[in-house]
Amino acid sequence: MRETIRERDTAAPLSGETLRPERRHPILRRFLENRLAVAGLVVVALFYLIAILAPVIQRYPPNQIQSGARDLSPSAQHWLGTDRNGRDVYSRLLNGGRVSLAVGFVAVAIIMTIGTTLGAVSGYFGRWTDAVIMRFTDILLSIPQILLLISAAALFHAGIVTTIIVIGVTSWPGCARLVRGQFLALKDQEYVTAARTIGARPWQIIWRHLLPNSLAVIIVEATLWLSFAIILEASLSYLGLGVQIPTPSWGNMLQDGQHELLVGAWWLTLFPGLGIFLVVMAFNLMGDGLRDAFDPRLRRR
C-alpha cells in the first residue's frame, strides 16, 4: 500500500498535475501561515495602493488654501478636517503618505546597495580591506545617527532629494555588518571552494554564489529598514530639516499640528500619527514573518 501511494505521488507531476504553490514553496507556505505577517503585507500593499491613487481619490488639491475653512473639524465636506491654513487634511494625508513611502523606499534602496556592497567586499576579501571598511563603519556607528542626520540636513538645502540621500548615506553601516557576517559564514563552504578551484573570479563568486545565498537575510533587513526609514523621514520633516512645506509629508503635517492645541484641533496630529504607526507596524510584522519563514528555527513557539 505504501509503495502504491509513493508511486502515485511521484507520478503525479509527470502526468501534468501541478502542485499547489504553497507546497512547492515552503517559504511561501510558512509566511502565509503567519496571520500577523499576512496582515502586515495587506496593510503595506493597501498603503502603497492608496499612495499611487492619491491624485485620483483626493477631494481637493493638497495645497489649496480655503480662507473660510480654517481649523474645521472632520465633516461631510472635509472628511478629516482642515488645518490652520484651510487646507484639506484628507488630501494632504494621502499625498503626504505618497511622499513618505517614496522617500522610505528609495532611501532603503540606497542603504541596501551601499551596505550590501561594502559588507560583501569586507566579508569576502578580509585582511586590510576588511579592517579599513569595518573601522570606518565603527566610526559611523559610534556617532549618534540623529546627530549625523541633523548635521547633514542642515548643511544642504532641505528637500525630498536631500532627505533621501541623507537617510541612505548615514544608515548603511548596520546593513554592512550584517552582510559581512553572512559572507564570513559562507565563504568557506564547499561550493565556494569548488568555485575557486575551477578558476572563478572573486566577483563571480560573490555575485553567483555568496550573494544569492545571503538574499534571505538582505530581504528581511530591507523590510525592517523600510519602517525605520519612514520614521527617520518623519523625524527630519518634523524638525524642519526634511521635506519642506508646502509639500506634504506625514512628518511636516505633525509639525504643522503642533501649532494648535491637541484638544482643540486633535485631527491635525491624530491622522498623520496614525498613518505612521500603522505603516511602521505593518512593515515590522511583515519583516518578522519573512524572518521566520526563511529560517523556521526562529519561529516563536
C-alpha atoms as a PDB file:
ATOM      1  CA  MET A   1       0.000   0.000   0.000  1.00  0.00           C
ATOM      2  CA  ARG A   2       2.828   2.427   0.887  1.00  0.00           C
ATOM      3  CA  GLU A   3       4.617   1.649  -2.371  1.00  0.00           C
ATOM      4  CA  THR A   4       1.418   2.286  -4.346  1.00  0.00           C
ATOM      5  CA  ILE A   5       0.862   5.645  -2.680  1.00  0.00           C
ATOM      6  CA  ARG A   6       4.508   6.595  -3.197  1.00  0.00           C
ATOM      7  CA  GLU A   7       4.365   5.679  -6.888  1.00  0.00           C
ATOM      8  CA  ARG A   8       1.141   7.661  -7.347  1.00  0.00           C
ATOM      9  CA  ASP A   9       2.601  10.739  -5.603  1.00  0.00           C
ATOM     10  CA  THR A  10       5.793  10.543  -7.647  1.00  0.00           C
ATOM     11  CA  ALA A  11       3.988  10.104 -10.932  1.00  0.00           C
ATOM     12  CA  ALA A  12       1.512  12.945 -10.368  1.00  0.00           C
ATOM     13  CA  PRO A  13       3.778  15.809 -11.566  1.00  0.00           C
ATOM     14  CA  LEU A  14       4.784  13.762 -14.645  1.00  0.00           C
ATOM     15  CA  SER A  15       1.159  13.371 -15.702  1.00  0.00           C
ATOM     16  CA  GLY A  16       0.676  17.135 -15.892  1.00  0.00           C
ATOM     17  CA  GLU A  17      -0.759  17.589 -12.407  1.00  0.00           C
ATOM     18  CA  THR A  18       0.748  20.643 -10.730  1.00  0.00           C
ATOM     19  CA  LEU A  19       1.440  21.083  -7.071  1.00  0.00           C
ATOM     20  CA  ARG A  20      -0.126  23.940  -5.158  1.00  0.00           C
ATOM     21  CA  PRO A  21       2.218  26.952  -4.831  1.00  0.00           C
ATOM     22  CA  GLU A  22       2.386  26.670  -1.058  1.00  0.00           C
ATOM     23  CA  ARG A  23       3.515  23.018  -1.399  1.00  0.00           C
ATOM     24  CA  ARG A  24       6.164  23.886  -3.967  1.00  0.00           C
ATOM     25  CA  HIS A  25       7.458  26.810  -1.924  1.00  0.00           C
ATOM     26  CA  PRO A  26       7.819  26.056   1.801  1.00  0.00           C
ATOM     27  CA  ILE A  27       8.951  29.645   2.477  1.00  0.00           C
ATOM     28  CA  LEU A  28       5.705  30.982   1.000  1.00  0.00           C
ATOM     29  CA  ARG A  29       3.693  28.405   2.937  1.00  0.00           C
ATOM     30  CA  ARG A  30       5.334  29.331   6.246  1.00  0.00           C
ATOM     31  CA  PHE A  31       4.798  33.027   5.545  1.00  0.00           C
ATOM     32  CA  LEU A  32       1.115  32.525   4.718  1.00  0.00           C
ATOM     33  CA  GLU A  33       0.653  30.553   7.940  1.00  0.00           C
ATOM     34  CA  ASN A  34       1.702  33.640   9.916  1.00  0.00           C
ATOM     35  CA  ARG A  35      -1.506  35.663  10.130  1.00  0.00           C
ATOM     36  CA  LEU A  36       0.158  38.750  11.556  1.00  0.00           C
ATOM     37  CA  ALA A  37       2.716  38.782   8.736  1.00  0.00           C
ATOM     38  CA  VAL A  38      -0.020  38.431   6.113  1.00  0.00           C
ATOM     39  CA  ALA A  39      -1.982  41.214   7.777  1.00  0.00           C
ATOM     40  CA  GLY A  40       1.130  43.395   7.656  1.00  0.00           C
ATOM     41  CA  LEU A  41       1.593  42.636   3.959  1.00  0.00           C
ATOM     42  CA  VAL A  42      -2.033  43.542   3.236  1.00  0.00           C
ATOM     43  CA  VAL A  43      -1.730  46.842   5.110  1.00  0.00           C
ATOM     44  CA  VAL A  44       1.514  47.739   3.322  1.00  0.00           C
ATOM     45  CA  ALA A  45       0.003  46.900  -0.076  1.00  0.00           C
ATOM     46  CA  LEU A  46      -3.078  48.972   0.786  1.00  0.00           C
ATOM     47  CA  PHE A  47      -0.975  51.977   1.798  1.00  0.00           C
ATOM     48  CA  TYR A  48       1.059  51.845  -1.413  1.00  0.00           C
ATOM     49  CA  LEU A  49      -2.115  51.455  -3.479  1.00  0.00           C
ATOM     50  CA  ILE A  50      -3.646  54.497  -1.790  1.00  0.00           C
ATOM     51  CA  ALA A  51      -0.414  56.440  -2.349  1.00  0.00           C
ATOM     52  CA  ILE A  52      -0.430  55.589  -6.059  1.00  0.00           C
ATOM     53  CA  LEU A  53      -4.098  56.545  -6.414  1.00  0.00           C
ATOM     54  CA  ALA A  54      -3.785  59.713  -4.285  1.00  0.00           C
ATOM     55  CA  PRO A  55      -4.257  62.167  -7.206  1.00  0.00           C
ATOM     56  CA  VAL A  56      -7.426  60.292  -8.187  1.00  0.00           C
ATOM     57  CA  ILE A  57      -9.116  59.813  -4.819  1.00  0.00           C
ATOM     58  CA  GLN A  58      -8.235  63.160  -3.218  1.00  0.00           C
ATOM     59  CA  ARG A  59     -11.130  65.593  -2.808  1.00  0.00           C
ATOM     60  CA  TYR A  60      -9.178  68.854  -3.053  1.00  0.00           C
ATOM     61  CA  PRO A  61      -5.691  69.824  -4.216  1.00  0.00           C
ATOM     62  CA  PRO A  62      -3.395  69.237  -1.209  1.00  0.00           C
ATOM     63  CA  ASN A  63      -2.088  72.833  -1.200  1.00  0.00           C
ATOM     64  CA  GLN A  64      -5.372  74.582  -1.926  1.00  0.00           C
ATOM     65  CA  ILE A  65      -5.995  77.258   0.726  1.00  0.00           C
ATOM     66  CA  GLN A  66      -9.610  77.969   1.655  1.00  0.00           C
ATOM     67  CA  SER A  67      -9.700  81.152   3.714  1.00  0.00           C
ATOM     68  CA  GLY A  68     -13.157  80.453   5.092  1.00  0.00           C
ATOM     69  CA  ALA A  69     -12.435  76.877   6.142  1.00  0.00           C
ATOM     70  CA  ARG A  70      -9.650  77.121   8.700  1.00  0.00           C
ATOM     71  CA  ASP A  71      -9.338  74.620  11.556  1.00  0.00           C
ATOM     72  CA  LEU A  72     -12.574  72.847  10.688  1.00  0.00           C
ATOM     73  CA  SER A  73     -13.185  69.536  12.433  1.00  0.00           C
ATOM     74  CA  PRO A  74     -13.959  66.404  10.362  1.00  0.00           C
ATOM     75  CA  SER A  75     -17.247  66.744   8.496  1.00  0.00           C
ATOM     76  CA  ALA A  76     -19.028  65.556   5.350  1.00  0.00           C
ATOM     77  CA  GLN A  77     -17.322  68.289   3.328  1.00  0.00           C
ATOM     78  CA  HIS A  78     -13.841  67.757   4.793  1.00  0.00           C
ATOM     79  CA  TRP A  79     -13.622  64.147   5.921  1.00  0.00           C
ATOM     80  CA  LEU A  80     -10.540  64.631   8.114  1.00  0.00           C
ATOM     81  CA  GLY A  81     -10.969  68.343   8.761  1.00  0.00           C
ATOM     82  CA  THR A  82      -8.778  71.250   7.658  1.00  0.00           C
ATOM     83  CA  ASP A  83      -5.579  72.800   9.007  1.00  0.00           C
ATOM     84  CA  ARG A  84      -4.913  76.359  10.144  1.00  0.00           C
ATOM     85  CA  ASN A  85      -4.428  77.460   6.530  1.00  0.00           C
ATOM     86  CA  GLY A  86      -7.699  75.957   5.347  1.00  0.00           C
ATOM     87  CA  ARG A  87      -6.088  73.025   3.513  1.00  0.00           C
ATOM     88  CA  ASP A  88      -7.924  69.702   3.409  1.00  0.00           C
ATOM     89  CA  VAL A  89      -6.242  67.241   5.798  1.00  0.00           C
ATOM     90  CA  TYR A  90      -7.562  64.184   3.944  1.00  0.00           C
ATOM     91  CA  SER A  91      -5.952  65.257   0.659  1.00  0.00           C
ATOM     92  CA  ARG A  92      -2.720  66.226   2.381  1.00  0.00           C
ATOM     93  CA  LEU A  93      -2.653  62.914   4.259  1.00  0.00           C
ATOM     94  CA  LEU A  94      -2.925  60.949   1.004  1.00  0.00           C
ATOM     95  CA  ASN A  95      -0.205  62.950  -0.731  1.00  0.00           C
ATOM     96  CA  GLY A  96       1.919  63.046   2.423  1.00  0.00           C
ATOM     97  CA  GLY A  97       1.805  59.253   2.560  1.00  0.00           C
ATOM     98  CA  ARG A  98       2.871  59.179  -1.064  1.00  0.00           C
ATOM     99  CA  VAL A  99       5.935  61.288  -0.259  1.00  0.00           C
ATOM    100  CA  SER A 100       6.829  59.450   2.970  1.00  0.00           C
ATOM    101  CA  LEU A 101       6.532  55.980   1.435  1.00  0.00           C
ATOM    102  CA  ALA A 102       8.519  57.007  -1.634  1.00  0.00           C
ATOM    103  CA  VAL A 103      11.268  58.568   0.479  1.00  0.00           C
ATOM    104  CA  GLY A 104      11.459  55.438   2.639  1.00  0.00           C
ATOM    105  CA  PHE A 105      11.589  53.093  -0.354  1.00  0.00           C
ATOM    106  CA  VAL A 106      14.320  54.964  -2.257  1.00  0.00           C
ATOM    107  CA  ALA A 107      16.359  55.602   0.904  1.00  0.00           C
ATOM    108  CA  VAL A 108      16.298  51.889   1.754  1.00  0.00           C
ATOM    109  CA  ALA A 109      17.410  51.072  -1.804  1.00  0.00           C
ATOM    110  CA  ILE A 110      20.460  53.286  -1.209  1.00  0.00           C
ATOM    111  CA  ILE A 111      21.071  51.763   2.234  1.00  0.00           C
ATOM    112  CA  MET A 112      20.944  48.202   0.954  1.00  0.00           C
ATOM    113  CA  THR A 113      23.078  48.966  -2.115  1.00  0.00           C
ATOM    114  CA  ILE A 114      25.886  50.606  -0.131  1.00  0.00           C
ATOM    115  CA  GLY A 115      25.651  48.252   2.838  1.00  0.00           C
ATOM    116  CA  THR A 116      25.487  45.081   0.752  1.00  0.00           C
ATOM    117  CA  THR A 117      28.382  46.130  -1.490  1.00  0.00           C
ATOM    118  CA  LEU A 118      30.729  47.142   1.332  1.00  0.00           C
ATOM    119  CA  GLY A 119      29.695  44.210   3.521  1.00  0.00           C
ATOM    120  CA  ALA A 120      30.286  41.743   0.677  1.00  0.00           C
ATOM    121  CA  VAL A 121      33.714  43.188  -0.140  1.00  0.00           C
ATOM    122  CA  SER A 122      34.713  43.274   3.521  1.00  0.00           C
ATOM    123  CA  GLY A 123      33.500  39.767   4.290  1.00  0.00           C
ATOM    124  CA  TYR A 124      34.951  38.076   1.226  1.00  0.00           C
ATOM    125  CA  PHE A 125      38.366  39.711   0.841  1.00  0.00           C
ATOM    126  CA  GLY A 126      39.130  40.162   4.544  1.00  0.00           C
ATOM    127  CA  ARG A 127      42.572  41.330   5.721  1.00  0.00           C
ATOM    128  CA  TRP A 128      43.301  45.027   5.238  1.00  0.00           C
ATOM    129  CA  THR A 129      40.149  45.533   3.139  1.00  0.00           C
ATOM    130  CA  ASP A 130      38.010  44.238   5.969  1.00  0.00           C
ATOM    131  CA  ALA A 131      39.947  46.290   8.527  1.00  0.00           C
ATOM    132  CA  VAL A 132      39.548  49.582   6.647  1.00  0.00           C
ATOM    133  CA  ILE A 133      35.846  49.145   5.894  1.00  0.00           C
ATOM    134  CA  MET A 134      34.945  47.921   9.379  1.00  0.00           C
ATOM    135  CA  ARG A 135      36.891  50.669  11.159  1.00  0.00           C
ATOM    136  CA  PHE A 136      35.085  53.276   9.063  1.00  0.00           C
ATOM    137  CA  THR A 137      31.807  51.519   9.852  1.00  0.00           C
ATOM    138  CA  ASP A 138      32.642  51.542  13.579  1.00  0.00           C
ATOM    139  CA  ILE A 139      33.299  55.285  13.436  1.00  0.00           C
ATOM    140  CA  LEU A 140      29.880  55.935  11.880  1.00  0.00           C
ATOM    141  CA  LEU A 141      28.159  53.625  14.355  1.00  0.00           C
ATOM    142  CA  SER A 142      29.809  55.411  17.291  1.00  0.00           C
ATOM    143  CA  ILE A 143      28.238  58.733  16.276  1.00  0.00           C
ATOM    144  CA  PRO A 144      24.528  59.153  17.153  1.00  0.00           C
ATOM    145  CA  GLN A 145      22.646  58.819  13.891  1.00  0.00           C
ATOM    146  CA  ILE A 146      20.224  61.624  14.667  1.00  0.00           C
ATOM    147  CA  LEU A 147      23.251  63.933  15.009  1.00  0.00           C
ATOM    148  CA  LEU A 148      24.526  62.829  11.589  1.00  0.00           C
ATOM    149  CA  LEU A 149      21.089  63.309  10.081  1.00  0.00           C
ATOM    150  CA  ILE A 150      20.594  66.781  11.542  1.00  0.00           C
ATOM    151  CA  SER A 151      24.115  67.894  10.599  1.00  0.00           C
ATOM    152  CA  ALA A 152      23.889  66.645   7.026  1.00  0.00           C
ATOM    153  CA  ALA A 153      20.389  68.030   6.520  1.00  0.00           C
ATOM    154  CA  ALA A 154      21.425  71.418   7.917  1.00  0.00           C
ATOM    155  CA  LEU A 155      24.452  71.672   5.599  1.00  0.00           C
ATOM    156  CA  PHE A 156      22.459  71.135   2.416  1.00  0.00           C
ATOM    157  CA  HIS A 157      19.228  72.534   1.049  1.00  0.00           C
ATOM    158  CA  ALA A 158      16.398  70.658   2.751  1.00  0.00           C
ATOM    159  CA  GLY A 159      14.004  68.840   0.444  1.00  0.00           C
ATOM    160  CA  ILE A 160      12.883  65.422  -0.747  1.00  0.00           C
ATOM    161  CA  VAL A 161      16.114  64.550  -2.591  1.00  0.00           C
ATOM    162  CA  THR A 162      18.308  65.725   0.280  1.00  0.00           C
ATOM    163  CA  THR A 163      16.234  63.740   2.781  1.00  0.00           C
ATOM    164  CA  ILE A 164      16.579  60.565   0.720  1.00  0.00           C
ATOM    165  CA  ILE A 165      20.335  60.956   0.301  1.00  0.00           C
ATOM    166  CA  VAL A 166      20.917  61.863   3.955  1.00  0.00           C
ATOM    167  CA  ILE A 167      18.985  58.840   5.252  1.00  0.00           C
ATOM    168  CA  GLY A 168      20.595  56.491   2.733  1.00  0.00           C
ATOM    169  CA  VAL A 169      24.180  57.645   3.210  1.00  0.00           C
ATOM    170  CA  THR A 170      24.090  57.681   7.031  1.00  0.00           C
ATOM    171  CA  SER A 171      22.185  54.432   7.650  1.00  0.00           C
ATOM    172  CA  TRP A 172      24.139  51.732   5.799  1.00  0.00           C
ATOM    173  CA  PRO A 173      26.666  50.595   8.498  1.00  0.00           C
ATOM    174  CA  GLY A 174      24.248  48.183  10.181  1.00  0.00           C
ATOM    175  CA  CYS A 175      23.453  46.520   6.870  1.00  0.00           C
ATOM    176  CA  ALA A 176      27.171  46.292   6.005  1.00  0.00           C
ATOM    177  CA  ARG A 177      27.993  44.494   9.242  1.00  0.00           C
ATOM    178  CA  LEU A 178      25.116  42.070   8.755  1.00  0.00           C
ATOM    179  CA  VAL A 179      26.131  41.175   5.189  1.00  0.00           C
ATOM    180  CA  ARG A 180      29.783  40.893   6.222  1.00  0.00           C
ATOM    181  CA  GLY A 181      28.882  38.368   8.915  1.00  0.00           C
ATOM    182  CA  GLN A 182      26.830  36.369   6.418  1.00  0.00           C
ATOM    183  CA  PHE A 183      29.693  36.302   3.906  1.00  0.00           C
ATOM    184  CA  LEU A 184      32.191  35.255   6.593  1.00  0.00           C
ATOM    185  CA  ALA A 185      29.943  32.298   7.409  1.00  0.00           C
ATOM    186  CA  LEU A 186      29.529  31.267   3.760  1.00  0.00           C
ATOM    187  CA  LYS A 187      32.866  31.912   2.062  1.00  0.00           C
ATOM    188  CA  ASP A 188      34.485  28.738   3.434  1.00  0.00           C
ATOM    189  CA  GLN A 189      31.662  26.471   2.295  1.00  0.00           C
ATOM    190  CA  GLU A 190      32.492  23.632  -0.101  1.00  0.00           C
ATOM    191  CA  TYR A 191      30.720  25.136  -3.114  1.00  0.00           C
ATOM    192  CA  VAL A 192      32.777  28.334  -2.749  1.00  0.00           C
ATOM    193  CA  THR A 193      35.995  26.318  -2.509  1.00  0.00           C
ATOM    194  CA  ALA A 194      34.972  24.381  -5.610  1.00  0.00           C
ATOM    195  CA  ALA A 195      34.306  27.629  -7.483  1.00  0.00           C
ATOM    196  CA  ARG A 196      37.779  28.896  -6.592  1.00  0.00           C
ATOM    197  CA  THR A 197      39.311  25.604  -7.681  1.00  0.00           C
ATOM    198  CA  ILE A 198      37.864  25.826 -11.190  1.00  0.00           C
ATOM    199  CA  GLY A 199      39.182  29.373 -11.549  1.00  0.00           C
ATOM    200  CA  ALA A 200      36.153  31.522 -10.806  1.00  0.00           C
ATOM    201  CA  ARG A 201      36.986  35.169 -10.189  1.00  0.00           C
ATOM    202  CA  PRO A 202      36.195  36.786  -6.819  1.00  0.00           C
ATOM    203  CA  TRP A 203      33.380  38.928  -8.229  1.00  0.00           C
ATOM    204  CA  GLN A 204      31.863  35.875  -9.924  1.00  0.00           C
ATOM    205  CA  ILE A 205      31.890  34.002  -6.620  1.00  0.00           C
ATOM    206  CA  ILE A 206      30.343  36.968  -4.814  1.00  0.00           C
ATOM    207  CA  TRP A 207      27.663  37.569  -7.442  1.00  0.00           C
ATOM    208  CA  ARG A 208      26.765  33.983  -8.392  1.00  0.00           C
ATOM    209  CA  HIS A 209      27.255  32.089  -5.141  1.00  0.00           C
ATOM    210  CA  LEU A 210      27.534  34.165  -1.977  1.00  0.00           C
ATOM    211  CA  LEU A 211      25.032  36.923  -2.729  1.00  0.00           C
ATOM    212  CA  PRO A 212      22.145  34.577  -3.734  1.00  0.00           C
ATOM    213  CA  ASN A 213      22.695  32.569  -0.547  1.00  0.00           C
ATOM    214  CA  SER A 214      22.603  35.779   1.510  1.00  0.00           C
ATOM    215  CA  LEU A 215      19.482  37.098  -0.194  1.00  0.00           C
ATOM    216  CA  ALA A 216      17.108  35.939   2.541  1.00  0.00           C
ATOM    217  CA  VAL A 217      18.937  37.964   5.196  1.00  0.00           C
ATOM    218  CA  ILE A 218      19.118  41.004   2.914  1.00  0.00           C
ATOM    219  CA  ILE A 219      15.383  40.892   2.118  1.00  0.00           C
ATOM    220  CA  VAL A 220      14.421  40.702   5.786  1.00  0.00           C
ATOM    221  CA  GLU A 221      16.829  43.514   6.638  1.00  0.00           C
ATOM    222  CA  ALA A 222      15.404  45.703   3.852  1.00  0.00           C
ATOM    223  CA  THR A 223      11.856  45.143   5.084  1.00  0.00           C
ATOM    224  CA  LEU A 224      12.728  46.193   8.621  1.00  0.00           C
ATOM    225  CA  TRP A 225      14.725  49.177   7.375  1.00  0.00           C
ATOM    226  CA  LEU A 226      11.699  50.466   5.452  1.00  0.00           C
ATOM    227  CA  SER A 227       9.835  51.127   8.679  1.00  0.00           C
ATOM    228  CA  PHE A 228      12.868  52.780  10.248  1.00  0.00           C
ATOM    229  CA  ALA A 229      13.454  54.996   7.191  1.00  0.00           C
ATOM    230  CA  ILE A 230       9.865  56.244   7.335  1.00  0.00           C
ATOM    231  CA  ILE A 231      10.335  57.182  11.000  1.00  0.00           C
ATOM    232  CA  LEU A 232      13.607  58.962  10.169  1.00  0.00           C
ATOM    233  CA  GLU A 233      11.929  60.924   7.379  1.00  0.00           C
ATOM    234  CA  ALA A 234       9.090  61.910   9.684  1.00  0.00           C
ATOM    235  CA  SER A 235      11.576  62.979  12.367  1.00  0.00           C
ATOM    236  CA  LEU A 236      13.586  65.155   9.982  1.00  0.00           C
ATOM    237  CA  SER A 237      10.460  66.703   8.475  1.00  0.00           C
ATOM    238  CA  TYR A 238       9.054  67.381  11.939  1.00  0.00           C
ATOM    239  CA  LEU A 239      12.252  69.218  12.825  1.00  0.00           C
ATOM    240  CA  GLY A 240      12.039  71.241   9.614  1.00  0.00           C
ATOM    241  CA  LEU A 241      15.115  69.562   8.081  1.00  0.00           C
ATOM    242  CA  GLY A 242      13.344  67.129   5.777  1.00  0.00           C
ATOM    243  CA  VAL A 243      10.526  67.558   3.276  1.00  0.00           C
ATOM    244  CA  GLN A 244       9.605  71.217   3.271  1.00  0.00           C
ATOM    245  CA  ILE A 245       6.164  72.817   3.418  1.00  0.00           C
ATOM    246  CA  PRO A 246       4.015  73.213   1.321  1.00  0.00           C
ATOM    247  CA  THR A 247       4.939  69.713   0.024  1.00  0.00           C
ATOM    248  CA  PRO A 248       3.021  67.450   2.409  1.00  0.00           C
ATOM    249  CA  SER A 249       4.602  64.589   4.317  1.00  0.00           C
ATOM    250  CA  TRP A 250       3.466  62.907   7.493  1.00  0.00           C
ATOM    251  CA  GLY A 251       6.357  64.470   9.397  1.00  0.00           C
ATOM    252  CA  ASN A 252       5.708  68.089   8.494  1.00  0.00           C
ATOM    253  CA  MET A 253       1.975  67.530   8.982  1.00  0.00           C
ATOM    254  CA  LEU A 254       2.783  66.646  12.598  1.00  0.00           C
ATOM    255  CA  GLN A 255       4.908  69.771  12.818  1.00  0.00           C
ATOM    256  CA  ASP A 256       2.052  71.841  11.443  1.00  0.00           C
ATOM    257  CA  GLY A 257      -0.288  70.321  14.023  1.00  0.00           C
ATOM    258  CA  GLN A 258       1.896  71.314  16.964  1.00  0.00           C
ATOM    259  CA  HIS A 259       0.880  74.953  16.474  1.00  0.00           C
ATOM    260  CA  GLU A 260      -2.642  74.013  17.522  1.00  0.00           C
ATOM    261  CA  LEU A 261      -3.831  72.603  20.821  1.00  0.00           C
ATOM    262  CA  LEU A 262      -4.104  68.826  20.656  1.00  0.00           C
ATOM    263  CA  VAL A 263      -7.503  69.024  22.315  1.00  0.00           C
ATOM    264  CA  GLY A 264      -8.814  71.828  20.158  1.00  0.00           C
ATOM    265  CA  ALA A 265      -7.507  70.535  16.800  1.00  0.00           C
ATOM    266  CA  TRP A 266      -6.796  66.886  17.509  1.00  0.00           C
ATOM    267  CA  TRP A 267      -7.263  65.802  13.884  1.00  0.00           C
ATOM    268  CA  LEU A 268      -4.102  67.633  12.766  1.00  0.00           C
ATOM    269  CA  THR A 269      -1.821  65.245  14.664  1.00  0.00           C
ATOM    270  CA  LEU A 270      -4.008  62.156  15.067  1.00  0.00           C
ATOM    271  CA  PHE A 271      -4.316  61.159  11.405  1.00  0.00           C
ATOM    272  CA  PRO A 272      -0.684  61.581  10.252  1.00  0.00           C
ATOM    273  CA  GLY A 273       0.482  59.974  13.504  1.00  0.00           C
ATOM    274  CA  LEU A 274      -1.903  57.081  12.935  1.00  0.00           C
ATOM    275  CA  GLY A 275      -0.610  56.694   9.372  1.00  0.00           C
ATOM    276  CA  ILE A 276       2.993  56.449  10.588  1.00  0.00           C
ATOM    277  CA  PHE A 277       2.017  53.986  13.325  1.00  0.00           C
ATOM    278  CA  LEU A 278       0.071  51.674  11.012  1.00  0.00           C
ATOM    279  CA  VAL A 279       2.617  51.513   8.191  1.00  0.00           C
ATOM    280  CA  VAL A 280       5.590  51.058  10.559  1.00  0.00           C
ATOM    281  CA  MET A 281       3.775  48.335  12.480  1.00  0.00           C
ATOM    282  CA  ALA A 282       2.818  46.628   9.208  1.00  0.00           C
ATOM    283  CA  PHE A 283       6.407  46.649   7.942  1.00  0.00           C
ATOM    284  CA  ASN A 284       7.663  45.236  11.246  1.00  0.00           C
ATOM    285  CA  LEU A 285       5.080  42.436  11.241  1.00  0.00           C
ATOM    286  CA  MET A 286       5.911  41.606   7.635  1.00  0.00           C
ATOM    287  CA  GLY A 287       9.651  41.633   8.392  1.00  0.00           C
ATOM    288  CA  ASP A 288       9.217  39.320  11.377  1.00  0.00           C
ATOM    289  CA  GLY A 289       7.113  36.978   9.236  1.00  0.00           C
ATOM    290  CA  LEU A 290       9.733  36.888   6.487  1.00  0.00           C
ATOM    291  CA  ARG A 291      12.474  36.192   9.023  1.00  0.00           C
ATOM    292  CA  ASP A 292      10.533  33.268  10.476  1.00  0.00           C
ATOM    293  CA  ALA A 293       9.644  31.974   7.001  1.00  0.00           C
ATOM    294  CA  PHE A 294      13.235  31.962   5.768  1.00  0.00           C
ATOM    295  CA  ASP A 295      14.513  30.363   8.988  1.00  0.00           C
ATOM    296  CA  PRO A 296      11.820  28.269  10.722  1.00  0.00           C
ATOM    297  CA  ARG A 297      14.187  27.710  13.691  1.00  0.00           C
ATOM    298  CA  LEU A 298      13.474  31.316  14.704  1.00  0.00           C
ATOM    299  CA  ARG A 299       9.724  30.799  14.763  1.00  0.00           C
ATOM    300  CA  ARG A 300       8.177  31.508  18.134  1.00  0.00           C
ATOM    301  CA  ARG A 301       6.544  28.603  19.849  1.00  0.00           C
END
